[in-house]
Protein backbone atom coordinates (compact mmCIF):
# COMPACT_ATOMS: atom_id res chain seq x y z
CA UNK A 1 58.71 116.18 101.60
CA UNK A 2 61.37 115.25 103.93
CA UNK A 3 63.96 116.77 102.97
CA UNK A 4 66.41 115.50 105.58
CA UNK A 5 65.46 111.84 105.82
CA UNK A 6 65.99 111.68 102.28
CA UNK A 7 69.17 113.75 102.56
CA UNK A 8 70.41 111.15 105.06
CA UNK A 9 68.88 108.33 103.14
CA UNK A 10 71.74 108.83 100.49
CA UNK A 11 74.35 109.31 102.61
CA UNK A 12 73.71 106.27 104.04
CA UNK A 13 73.16 104.72 100.46
CA UNK A 14 76.68 106.10 99.36
CA UNK A 15 78.53 104.83 101.78
CA UNK A 16 76.92 101.64 100.70
CA UNK A 17 78.68 101.36 98.15
CA UNK A 18 81.64 103.19 99.17
CA UNK A 19 81.37 106.52 98.32
CA UNK A 20 85.36 108.79 97.65
CA UNK A 21 87.02 104.45 97.20
CA UNK A 22 88.24 103.65 94.39
CA UNK A 23 87.19 100.78 91.76
CA UNK A 24 89.73 98.80 89.51
CA UNK A 25 88.72 99.18 86.21
CA UNK A 26 89.75 96.09 83.70
CA UNK A 27 92.00 97.96 80.18
CA UNK A 28 93.31 95.70 76.97
CA UNK A 29 96.46 96.18 78.69
CA UNK A 30 96.04 95.93 83.02
CA UNK A 31 93.57 97.80 84.86
CA UNK A 32 93.64 100.80 86.60
CA UNK A 33 92.19 102.77 90.30
CA UNK A 34 88.41 104.64 88.84
CA UNK A 35 86.39 106.65 90.61
CA UNK A 36 83.23 105.45 90.05
CA UNK A 37 80.53 109.01 88.30
CA UNK A 38 78.34 110.38 90.59
CA UNK A 39 74.85 110.24 89.92
CA UNK A 40 73.70 113.94 90.56
CA UNK A 41 69.87 113.87 92.90
CA UNK A 42 68.92 117.66 92.65
CA UNK A 43 65.87 118.38 95.54
CA UNK A 44 63.47 121.45 94.49
CA UNK A 45 60.79 122.79 95.93
CA UNK A 46 57.92 120.96 93.26
CA UNK A 47 60.04 118.13 92.05
CA UNK A 48 63.44 116.36 91.52
CA UNK A 49 65.95 116.10 89.08
CA UNK A 50 67.77 113.08 88.19
CA UNK A 51 71.28 112.50 86.69
CA UNK A 52 71.60 115.40 83.70
CA UNK A 53 67.35 114.07 83.40
CA UNK A 54 64.40 115.84 82.77
CA UNK A 55 62.73 117.89 86.24
CA UNK A 56 59.92 115.99 87.79
CA UNK A 57 57.33 117.07 89.54
CA UNK A 58 56.68 115.30 93.11
CA UNK A 59 53.34 114.71 91.79
CA UNK A 60 54.23 112.29 89.19
CA UNK A 61 54.09 108.21 89.92
CA UNK A 62 57.27 107.54 88.80
CA UNK A 63 58.52 110.32 91.08
CA UNK A 64 56.69 109.26 94.17
CA UNK A 65 58.39 105.80 93.47
CA UNK A 66 61.58 107.41 92.86
CA UNK A 67 61.48 108.91 96.33
CA UNK A 68 59.89 105.97 97.89
CA UNK A 69 62.69 103.24 97.71
CA UNK A 70 64.95 106.49 98.86
CA UNK A 71 63.41 106.35 102.34
CA UNK A 72 62.54 102.43 102.34
CA UNK A 73 66.61 102.94 102.13
CA UNK A 74 66.46 100.97 98.90
CA UNK A 75 68.41 102.17 95.42
CA UNK A 76 65.79 103.90 93.22
CA UNK A 77 64.42 100.02 91.39
CA UNK A 78 64.34 102.64 87.77
CA UNK A 79 68.67 102.26 88.07
CA UNK A 80 68.80 99.37 88.11
CA UNK A 81 69.73 98.23 84.59
CA UNK A 82 71.13 100.75 84.03
CA UNK A 83 73.91 100.64 87.42
CA UNK A 84 72.66 97.00 89.29
CA UNK A 85 75.61 97.26 91.51
CA UNK A 86 74.34 100.64 93.23
CA UNK A 87 75.50 103.73 91.49
């Protein structure tokens, strides 16, 4: 696993969705600015943890697909249903 490449690609993806930029959130009484909540990705020597989920070994096919998506410069496809605009 090339951790440096993964981190570089994550930084690129974060810049695509405007990391640190506030978004307008509509409320019943108007609107307000809010910062999107980040989704933590913790990299370990033998696996990953996405968000507050369970540990996933690198050998697991779902983990391999997640990392391959990141290595290819895309948001992990497993996150698209929950975060259609990126996270």
